[in-house]
Amino acid sequence: QVQLAESGGGWVQAGGSLRLSCAASGSIFSPNAMGWYRQAPGNQREKVARITIRDETEYGDSVKGRFTISRANAKDTVYLQMNSLKAEDTAVYYCMAVRPGTGEIDWGQGTQVTVSS
């Protein structure tokens, strides 16, 4: 059973920055990929950023140039640096991890990010 522990959410004024962290545990194998999705009230869950075990990255269009995803050397922790935050970035942010071999996706419980304009 893989557990994902998220931290770093909170409240910030527009234009500010936050850094989210997510640590994976419970498996002897590092996830193939890790990333962040978000869901605002009334909206579908959308991809924010994703990073593979080879450090290949991809971003949602709305965060390109503002958010940066990175992964610790041990590959079990992922970070999301969020700069130039906007009110529309307000959402619950969920960490995800792809299990090697099966491709099964594990999800964290989510952390709230609120950006006030």
C-alpha atoms as a PDB file:
ATOM      1  CA  GLN A   1       0.000   0.000   0.000  1.00  0.00           C
ATOM      2  CA  VAL A   2       1.496   3.306  -1.114  1.00  0.00           C
ATOM      3  CA  GLN A   3       0.885   6.352   1.046  1.00  0.00           C
ATOM      4  CA  LEU A   4       1.308   9.910  -0.158  1.00  0.00           C
ATOM      5  CA  ALA A   5       1.838  12.631   2.426  1.00  0.00           C
ATOM      6  CA  GLU A   6       1.224  16.170   1.167  1.00  0.00           C
ATOM      7  CA  SER A   7       2.200  19.415   2.824  1.00  0.00           C
ATOM      8  CA  GLY A   8       2.634  23.103   2.039  1.00  0.00           C
ATOM      9  CA  GLY A   9      -0.850  24.277   1.178  1.00  0.00           C
ATOM     10  CA  GLY A  10      -2.340  27.405   2.667  1.00  0.00           C
ATOM     11  CA  TRP A  11      -3.467  30.925   1.999  1.00  0.00           C
ATOM     12  CA  VAL A  12      -1.580  33.512  -0.008  1.00  0.00           C
ATOM     13  CA  GLN A  13      -2.298  36.799  -1.718  1.00  0.00           C
ATOM     14  CA  ALA A  14      -2.327  37.010  -5.491  1.00  0.00           C
ATOM     15  CA  GLY A  15       1.192  37.323  -6.852  1.00  0.00           C
ATOM     16  CA  GLY A  16       2.632  35.331  -3.996  1.00  0.00           C
ATOM     17  CA  SER A  17       4.271  31.927  -3.871  1.00  0.00           C
ATOM     18  CA  LEU A  18       3.733  28.577  -2.211  1.00  0.00           C
ATOM     19  CA  ARG A  19       5.647  25.312  -2.290  1.00  0.00           C
ATOM     20  CA  LEU A  20       3.906  21.962  -2.049  1.00  0.00           C
ATOM     21  CA  SER A  21       5.646  18.740  -1.085  1.00  0.00           C
ATOM     22  CA  CYS A  22       4.561  15.131  -1.398  1.00  0.00           C
ATOM     23  CA  ALA A  23       6.417  12.145   0.007  1.00  0.00           C
ATOM     24  CA  ALA A  24       5.640   8.587  -1.085  1.00  0.00           C
ATOM     25  CA  SER A  25       6.095   5.645   1.260  1.00  0.00           C
ATOM     26  CA  GLY A  26       5.063   2.013   1.578  1.00  0.00           C
ATOM     27  CA  SER A  27       6.845   0.600  -1.463  1.00  0.00           C
ATOM     28  CA  ILE A  28      10.430  -0.487  -2.027  1.00  0.00           C
ATOM     29  CA  PHE A  29      10.181   0.808  -5.582  1.00  0.00           C
ATOM     30  CA  SER A  30      10.103   4.495  -6.482  1.00  0.00           C
ATOM     31  CA  PRO A  31       7.047   5.605  -8.458  1.00  0.00           C
ATOM     32  CA  ASN A  32       7.439   5.761 -12.244  1.00  0.00           C
ATOM     33  CA  ALA A  33       5.952   9.221 -12.220  1.00  0.00           C
ATOM     34  CA  MET A  34       4.612  11.660  -9.677  1.00  0.00           C
ATOM     35  CA  GLY A  35       2.636  14.799 -10.059  1.00  0.00           C
ATOM     36  CA  TRP A  36      -0.054  17.190  -8.975  1.00  0.00           C
ATOM     37  CA  TYR A  37      -3.647  17.609 -10.008  1.00  0.00           C
ATOM     38  CA  ARG A  38      -6.132  20.136  -8.675  1.00  0.00           C
ATOM     39  CA  GLN A  39      -9.849  20.474  -8.338  1.00  0.00           C
ATOM     40  CA  ALA A  40     -11.785  23.656  -7.694  1.00  0.00           C
ATOM     41  CA  PRO A  41     -15.444  23.590  -6.564  1.00  0.00           C
ATOM     42  CA  GLY A  42     -17.703  22.743  -9.465  1.00  0.00           C
ATOM     43  CA  ASN A  43     -14.792  21.853 -11.743  1.00  0.00           C
ATOM     44  CA  GLN A  44     -13.267  18.598 -12.889  1.00  0.00           C
ATOM     45  CA  ARG A  45      -9.886  17.515 -11.590  1.00  0.00           C
ATOM     46  CA  GLU A  46      -7.171  18.841 -13.903  1.00  0.00           C
ATOM     47  CA  LYS A  47      -3.508  18.131 -14.370  1.00  0.00           C
ATOM     48  CA  VAL A  48      -1.146  20.716 -12.940  1.00  0.00           C
ATOM     49  CA  ALA A  49       2.254  19.114 -13.443  1.00  0.00           C
ATOM     50  CA  ARG A  50       3.834  15.724 -13.751  1.00  0.00           C
ATOM     51  CA  ILE A  51       7.398  14.415 -13.610  1.00  0.00           C
ATOM     52  CA  THR A  52       8.776  11.009 -14.557  1.00  0.00           C
ATOM     53  CA  ILE A  53      11.521   9.015 -12.900  1.00  0.00           C
ATOM     54  CA  ARG A  54      13.795  10.315 -15.685  1.00  0.00           C
ATOM     55  CA  ASP A  55      12.868  13.902 -14.716  1.00  0.00           C
ATOM     56  CA  GLU A  56      10.798  14.543 -17.821  1.00  0.00           C
ATOM     57  CA  THR A  57       8.202  17.165 -16.997  1.00  0.00           C
ATOM     58  CA  GLU A  58       4.863  18.321 -18.344  1.00  0.00           C
ATOM     59  CA  TYR A  59       2.553  21.105 -17.235  1.00  0.00           C
ATOM     60  CA  GLY A  60      -1.026  22.156 -17.614  1.00  0.00           C
ATOM     61  CA  ASP A  61      -1.381  25.132 -19.944  1.00  0.00           C
ATOM     62  CA  SER A  62      -2.690  27.423 -17.226  1.00  0.00           C
ATOM     63  CA  VAL A  63       0.421  27.054 -15.040  1.00  0.00           C
ATOM     64  CA  LYS A  64       3.238  26.988 -17.609  1.00  0.00           C
ATOM     65  CA  GLY A  65       5.902  29.533 -16.785  1.00  0.00           C
ATOM     66  CA  ARG A  66       4.629  29.992 -13.217  1.00  0.00           C
ATOM     67  CA  PHE A  67       4.855  26.555 -11.594  1.00  0.00           C
ATOM     68  CA  THR A  68       7.863  24.241 -11.436  1.00  0.00           C
ATOM     69  CA  ILE A  69       7.785  20.577 -10.516  1.00  0.00           C
ATOM     70  CA  SER A  70      10.867  18.792  -9.246  1.00  0.00           C
ATOM     71  CA  ARG A  71      11.756  15.506  -7.655  1.00  0.00           C
ATOM     72  CA  ALA A  72      14.181  14.653  -4.876  1.00  0.00           C
ATOM     73  CA  ASN A  73      17.196  12.523  -5.744  1.00  0.00           C
ATOM     74  CA  ALA A  74      15.636   9.554  -3.959  1.00  0.00           C
ATOM     75  CA  LYS A  75      12.691   9.924  -6.386  1.00  0.00           C
ATOM     76  CA  ASP A  76      10.145   9.376  -3.644  1.00  0.00           C
ATOM     77  CA  THR A  77       9.387  13.045  -2.975  1.00  0.00           C
ATOM     78  CA  VAL A  78       8.017  15.593  -5.386  1.00  0.00           C
ATOM     79  CA  TYR A  79       7.789  19.355  -5.028  1.00  0.00           C
ATOM     80  CA  LEU A  80       5.655  21.974  -6.726  1.00  0.00           C
ATOM     81  CA  GLN A  81       6.937  25.527  -6.597  1.00  0.00           C
ATOM     82  CA  MET A  82       4.062  27.862  -7.388  1.00  0.00           C
ATOM     83  CA  ASN A  83       4.900  31.475  -8.232  1.00  0.00           C
ATOM     84  CA  SER A  84       2.803  34.399  -9.423  1.00  0.00           C
ATOM     85  CA  LEU A  85      -0.274  32.783  -7.956  1.00  0.00           C
ATOM     86  CA  LYS A  86      -3.683  33.905  -9.179  1.00  0.00           C
ATOM     87  CA  ALA A  87      -7.123  33.661  -7.640  1.00  0.00           C
ATOM     88  CA  GLU A  88      -8.000  31.018 -10.236  1.00  0.00           C
ATOM     89  CA  ASP A  89      -5.288  28.771  -8.819  1.00  0.00           C
ATOM     90  CA  THR A  90      -7.467  28.294  -5.751  1.00  0.00           C
ATOM     91  CA  ALA A  91      -8.256  24.592  -5.463  1.00  0.00           C
ATOM     92  CA  VAL A  92      -7.537  21.417  -3.590  1.00  0.00           C
ATOM     93  CA  TYR A  93      -4.232  20.080  -4.874  1.00  0.00           C
ATOM     94  CA  TYR A  94      -3.781  16.318  -5.017  1.00  0.00           C
ATOM     95  CA  CYS A  95      -0.506  14.474  -5.234  1.00  0.00           C
ATOM     96  CA  MET A  96      -0.424  11.375  -7.428  1.00  0.00           C
ATOM     97  CA  ALA A  97       2.069   8.597  -8.031  1.00  0.00           C
ATOM     98  CA  VAL A  98       2.240   5.891 -10.702  1.00  0.00           C
ATOM     99  CA  ARG A  99       3.287   2.464  -9.476  1.00  0.00           C
ATOM    100  CA  PRO A 100       6.020   0.783 -11.506  1.00  0.00           C
ATOM    101  CA  GLY A 101       4.910  -2.332 -13.345  1.00  0.00           C
ATOM    102  CA  THR A 102       1.143  -2.071 -12.834  1.00  0.00           C
ATOM    103  CA  GLY A 103       0.726   1.602 -13.698  1.00  0.00           C
ATOM    104  CA  GLU A 104      -1.823   1.899 -10.904  1.00  0.00           C
ATOM    105  CA  ILE A 105      -2.261   5.440  -9.646  1.00  0.00           C
ATOM    106  CA  ASP A 106      -2.241   6.347  -5.976  1.00  0.00           C
ATOM    107  CA  TRP A 107      -3.647   9.639  -4.711  1.00  0.00           C
ATOM    108  CA  GLY A 108      -2.987  11.778  -1.694  1.00  0.00           C
ATOM    109  CA  GLN A 109      -5.770  13.230   0.416  1.00  0.00           C
ATOM    110  CA  GLY A 110      -5.308  16.723  -0.977  1.00  0.00           C
ATOM    111  CA  THR A 111      -4.136  20.051   0.375  1.00  0.00           C
ATOM    112  CA  GLN A 112      -6.050  23.306   0.062  1.00  0.00           C
ATOM    113  CA  VAL A 113      -4.488  26.263  -1.722  1.00  0.00           C
ATOM    114  CA  THR A 114      -6.354  29.544  -1.471  1.00  0.00           C
ATOM    115  CA  VAL A 115      -5.245  32.642  -3.365  1.00  0.00           C
ATOM    116  CA  SER A 116      -6.976  35.895  -2.517  1.00  0.00           C
ATOM    117  CA  SER A 117      -7.181  38.692  -5.061  1.00  0.00           C
END
